């Protein structure tokens, strides 16, 4: 149990590493920010389409897929309203909107990390090698996700400590998911299917309604290049699994 919790924590802390990389760059140029946002959008959408939703379908069927995805989409939509998102902010690139975008990405990553932690535990329960492989894959794509979370916050003027603290809190969700996964092993896979679909729906909302539009505002061509690269990275990681 201790080993599973440790490797899941390391995978989660990759989010902090990504945030640190963005902070080292500093206040990114619009092209760099567009590329990072596009990269994160490509990775997140790739994970949703190529991994989360197919897994939810396989484990729980169409019902789990539709209900879980709809619940995830609706949850983040309500959250964006609670944060006071104003669509006109995107056109002005206001610091307030960018900070809220960073929060939304952080929530999406956290919701995504919970079933990822479960996946690490489930994989390790099958074979230790599979658990390690899943943890490495999760850690690798958590790095650009951490960059995507930190980039709008940096541009919005948030402090170094606040950004790293937020990334640190998000990183703890992965070992929490692993602990939950240890408890859920042997329980109906339909429950895990709902969690996977919920994460997929939440991430799809963030990509379609937030990350991609903001990336296009910052630089359409660079955002597109980042998105293609992000999709290819996910395809490669899934192939390695």
Protein backbone atom coordinates (compact mmCIF):
# COMPACT_ATOMS: atom_id res chain seq x y z
CA UNK A 1 0.00 0.00 0.00
CA UNK A 2 2.79 2.42 0.90
CA UNK A 3 4.50 1.85 -2.45
CA UNK A 4 1.29 2.53 -4.39
CA UNK A 5 0.70 5.75 -2.44
CA UNK A 6 4.30 6.83 -3.06
CA UNK A 7 4.34 6.32 -6.81
CA UNK A 8 0.92 7.98 -7.13
CA UNK A 9 2.20 10.98 -5.17
CA UNK A 10 5.24 11.28 -7.45
CA UNK A 11 2.96 11.15 -10.48
CA UNK A 12 0.78 13.85 -8.97
CA UNK A 13 3.75 16.08 -8.13
CA UNK A 14 4.54 16.25 -11.85
CA UNK A 15 1.83 18.95 -11.89
CA UNK A 16 4.05 21.05 -9.63
CA UNK A 17 7.00 20.44 -11.96
CA UNK A 18 4.96 21.77 -14.87
CA UNK A 19 3.95 24.85 -12.89
CA UNK A 20 7.60 25.47 -11.99
CA UNK A 21 8.61 25.30 -15.65
CA UNK A 22 6.08 27.99 -16.49
CA UNK A 23 7.24 30.16 -13.60
CA UNK A 24 10.85 29.83 -14.74
CA UNK A 25 9.85 31.17 -18.14
CA UNK A 26 8.14 34.05 -16.39
CA UNK A 27 5.45 36.18 -18.00
CA UNK A 28 5.22 34.27 -21.22
CA UNK A 29 4.85 35.92 -24.58
CA UNK A 30 1.49 35.49 -26.26
CA UNK A 31 2.96 32.88 -28.62
CA UNK A 32 4.41 30.81 -25.78
CA UNK A 33 1.17 31.03 -23.82
CA UNK A 34 -0.84 30.08 -26.92
CA UNK A 35 1.41 27.07 -27.47
CA UNK A 36 1.13 25.94 -23.85
CA UNK A 37 -2.65 26.35 -23.81
CA UNK A 38 -2.92 24.50 -27.12
CA UNK A 39 -0.62 21.75 -25.84
CA UNK A 40 -2.74 21.29 -22.72
CA UNK A 41 -5.93 21.34 -24.80
CA UNK A 42 -4.53 18.66 -27.10
CA UNK A 43 -3.38 16.49 -24.20
CA UNK A 44 -6.60 16.86 -22.24
CA UNK A 45 -8.82 16.22 -25.26
CA UNK A 46 -6.65 13.29 -26.30
CA UNK A 47 -6.96 11.73 -22.85
CA UNK A 48 -10.73 12.26 -22.93
CA UNK A 49 -11.32 10.84 -26.42
CA UNK A 50 -8.67 8.12 -26.50
CA UNK A 51 -8.68 6.93 -22.90
CA UNK A 52 -11.29 8.17 -20.40
CA UNK A 53 -14.48 7.84 -22.45
CA UNK A 54 -13.58 4.50 -24.10
CA UNK A 55 -12.65 3.11 -20.68
CA UNK A 56 -15.93 4.36 -19.20
CA UNK A 57 -17.84 2.73 -22.07
CA UNK A 58 -16.01 -0.57 -21.62
CA UNK A 59 -16.46 -0.70 -17.85
CA UNK A 60 -19.98 0.66 -17.51
CA UNK A 61 -21.70 0.81 -20.89
CA UNK A 62 -23.56 3.62 -22.60
CA UNK A 63 -25.57 4.67 -19.53
CA UNK A 64 -22.48 5.28 -17.39
CA UNK A 65 -20.81 7.10 -20.27
CA UNK A 66 -23.70 9.49 -20.96
CA UNK A 67 -24.68 10.21 -17.36
CA UNK A 68 -21.10 10.61 -16.13
CA UNK A 69 -20.03 12.82 -19.04
CA UNK A 70 -23.10 15.01 -18.71
CA UNK A 71 -22.60 15.37 -14.97
CA UNK A 72 -18.94 16.35 -15.43
CA UNK A 73 -19.77 18.92 -18.12
CA UNK A 74 -22.58 20.41 -16.03
CA UNK A 75 -20.47 20.54 -12.88
CA UNK A 76 -17.69 22.60 -14.47
CA UNK A 77 -20.24 24.80 -16.26
CA UNK A 78 -21.84 25.64 -12.90
CA UNK A 79 -18.40 26.16 -11.40
CA UNK A 80 -17.49 28.62 -14.16
CA UNK A 81 -20.68 30.56 -13.38
CA UNK A 82 -19.83 30.55 -9.67
CA UNK A 83 -16.40 31.97 -10.46
CA UNK A 84 -18.10 34.81 -12.30
CA UNK A 85 -16.70 34.10 -15.76
CA UNK A 86 -17.53 36.92 -18.15
CA UNK A 87 -17.21 35.99 -21.86
CA UNK A 88 -16.15 39.55 -22.71
CA UNK A 89 -13.09 39.12 -20.50
CA UNK A 90 -11.62 36.70 -23.03
CA UNK A 91 -11.55 39.39 -25.71
CA UNK A 92 -9.72 41.82 -23.47
CA UNK A 93 -7.38 39.20 -22.00
CA UNK A 94 -8.10 40.60 -18.54
CA UNK A 95 -6.02 39.31 -15.62
CA UNK A 96 -9.21 38.37 -13.77
CA UNK A 97 -10.33 36.04 -16.54
CA UNK A 98 -6.90 34.45 -16.86
CA UNK A 99 -6.75 33.71 -13.14
CA UNK A 100 -10.23 32.17 -13.22
CA UNK A 101 -9.15 30.09 -16.22
CA UNK A 102 -6.21 28.82 -14.14
CA UNK A 103 -8.64 27.81 -11.39
CA UNK A 104 -10.87 25.97 -13.86
CA UNK A 105 -7.89 24.09 -15.27
CA UNK A 106 -6.81 23.21 -11.72
CA UNK A 107 -10.28 21.82 -10.97
CA UNK A 108 -10.28 19.86 -14.22
CA UNK A 109 -6.87 18.39 -13.46
CA UNK A 110 -8.00 17.47 -9.93
CA UNK A 111 -11.14 15.75 -11.24
CA UNK A 112 -8.99 13.95 -13.79
CA UNK A 113 -6.36 12.95 -11.22
CA UNK A 114 -8.86 11.17 -8.99
CA UNK A 115 -9.66 8.37 -11.48
CA UNK A 116 -5.99 8.40 -12.51
CA UNK A 117 -5.05 7.53 -8.94
CA UNK A 118 -7.68 4.81 -9.01
CA UNK A 119 -6.15 3.55 -12.26
CA UNK A 120 -2.70 3.34 -10.66
CA UNK A 121 -4.08 1.28 -7.78
CA UNK A 122 -6.12 -0.96 -10.07
CA UNK A 123 -3.18 -1.46 -12.43
CA UNK A 124 -0.83 -2.29 -9.58
CA UNK A 125 -3.39 -4.75 -8.22
CA UNK A 126 -3.27 -6.51 -11.60
CA UNK A 127 0.52 -6.47 -11.92
CA UNK A 128 3.11 -4.19 -10.31
CA UNK A 129 4.64 -3.48 -13.72
CA UNK A 130 1.31 -2.17 -15.04
CA UNK A 131 0.91 0.08 -12.00
CA UNK A 132 4.35 1.60 -12.57
CA UNK A 133 3.70 2.09 -16.28
CA UNK A 134 0.40 3.86 -15.65
CA UNK A 135 2.05 6.07 -13.02
CA UNK A 136 4.83 7.10 -15.46
CA UNK A 137 2.31 7.89 -18.19
CA UNK A 138 0.21 9.95 -15.79
CA UNK A 139 3.24 11.82 -14.49
CA UNK A 140 4.39 12.72 -18.00
CA UNK A 141 1.13 14.28 -19.07
CA UNK A 142 0.67 15.99 -15.69
CA UNK A 143 3.68 18.19 -16.53
CA UNK A 144 2.06 20.13 -19.40
CA UNK A 145 -1.22 20.18 -17.46
CA UNK A 146 0.62 21.93 -14.63
CA UNK A 147 2.05 24.35 -17.19
CA UNK A 148 -1.43 25.07 -18.52
CA UNK A 149 -2.73 25.73 -15.04
CA UNK A 150 0.12 28.06 -14.12
CA UNK A 151 0.40 29.99 -17.41
CA UNK A 152 -2.85 31.97 -17.15
CA UNK A 153 -2.26 32.56 -13.44
CA UNK A 154 1.21 33.96 -14.14
CA UNK A 155 -0.15 36.19 -16.86
CA UNK A 156 -2.94 37.27 -14.50
CA UNK A 157 -0.42 38.37 -11.86
CA UNK A 158 -0.73 35.64 -9.23
CA UNK A 159 2.21 35.17 -6.88
CA UNK A 160 4.79 32.38 -7.07
CA UNK A 161 3.76 30.91 -3.70
CA UNK A 162 0.07 30.91 -4.56
CA UNK A 163 0.59 29.16 -7.90
CA UNK A 164 2.90 26.50 -6.44
CA UNK A 165 0.56 26.04 -3.49
CA UNK A 166 -2.39 25.50 -5.81
CA UNK A 167 -0.41 23.03 -7.90
CA UNK A 168 0.67 21.24 -4.73
CA UNK A 169 -2.93 20.85 -3.56
CA UNK A 170 -3.96 19.51 -6.95
CA UNK A 171 -1.09 17.02 -6.91
CA UNK A 172 -2.43 15.45 -3.71
CA UNK A 173 -5.57 14.31 -5.49
CA UNK A 174 -3.69 11.52 -7.31
CA UNK A 175 -2.64 9.67 -4.12
CA UNK A 176 -6.14 10.30 -2.77
CA UNK A 177 -7.46 8.55 -5.85
CA UNK A 178 -4.99 5.72 -5.36
CA UNK A 179 -6.20 5.25 -1.79
CA UNK A 180 -9.80 5.26 -3.01
CA UNK A 181 -8.82 2.79 -5.72
CA UNK A 182 -7.46 0.40 -3.11
CA UNK A 183 -10.84 0.54 -1.40
CA UNK A 184 -12.77 0.13 -4.67
CA UNK A 185 -10.81 -2.83 -6.00
CA UNK A 186 -13.30 -5.67 -6.19
CA UNK A 187 -16.32 -3.36 -6.21
CA UNK A 188 -18.47 -3.09 -9.37
CA UNK A 189 -16.48 -1.51 -12.22
CA UNK A 190 -19.57 0.56 -13.10
CA UNK A 191 -18.71 2.96 -10.27
CA UNK A 192 -15.24 3.55 -11.71
CA UNK A 193 -16.87 4.00 -15.13
CA UNK A 194 -18.96 6.89 -13.77
CA UNK A 195 -15.84 8.51 -12.30
CA UNK A 196 -13.95 8.18 -15.57
CA UNK A 197 -16.85 9.62 -17.58
CA UNK A 198 -17.31 12.45 -15.07
CA UNK A 199 -13.65 13.40 -15.43
CA UNK A 200 -14.00 13.17 -19.22
CA UNK A 201 -17.00 15.49 -19.27
CA UNK A 202 -15.35 18.06 -17.03
CA UNK A 203 -12.16 18.08 -19.08
CA UNK A 204 -14.09 18.29 -22.36
CA UNK A 205 -15.88 21.41 -21.12
CA UNK A 206 -12.62 23.07 -20.10
CA UNK A 207 -10.98 22.31 -23.45
CA UNK A 208 -13.91 23.31 -25.67
CA UNK A 209 -15.23 26.31 -23.75
CA UNK A 210 -12.10 27.68 -22.07
CA UNK A 211 -8.63 26.43 -23.04
CA UNK A 212 -9.00 26.32 -26.82
CA UNK A 213 -10.81 29.69 -27.20
CA UNK A 214 -8.23 31.40 -24.99
CA UNK A 215 -5.38 29.75 -26.87
CA UNK A 216 -6.77 31.04 -30.18
CA UNK A 217 -7.01 34.56 -28.77
CA UNK A 218 -3.35 34.44 -27.71
CA UNK A 219 -2.18 33.01 -31.06
CA UNK A 220 -4.19 30.78 -33.37
CA UNK A 221 -1.28 29.15 -35.22
CA UNK A 222 0.76 28.41 -32.09
CA UNK A 223 -2.30 27.09 -30.28
CA UNK A 224 -3.01 24.74 -33.20
CA UNK A 225 0.60 23.50 -33.24
CA UNK A 226 0.47 22.92 -29.48
CA UNK A 227 -2.84 21.05 -29.76
CA UNK A 228 -1.52 18.72 -32.46
CA UNK A 229 1.62 18.04 -30.42
CA UNK A 230 -0.45 17.38 -27.30
CA UNK A 231 -2.66 14.90 -29.12
CA UNK A 232 0.40 13.09 -30.50
CA UNK A 233 1.95 12.90 -27.01
CA UNK A 234 -1.17 11.25 -25.60
CA UNK A 235 -1.29 8.80 -28.51
CA UNK A 236 2.35 7.88 -27.89
CA UNK A 237 1.86 7.42 -24.13
CA UNK A 238 -1.21 5.26 -24.64
CA UNK A 239 0.71 3.20 -27.19
CA UNK A 240 3.50 2.69 -24.64
CA UNK A 241 0.96 1.45 -22.10
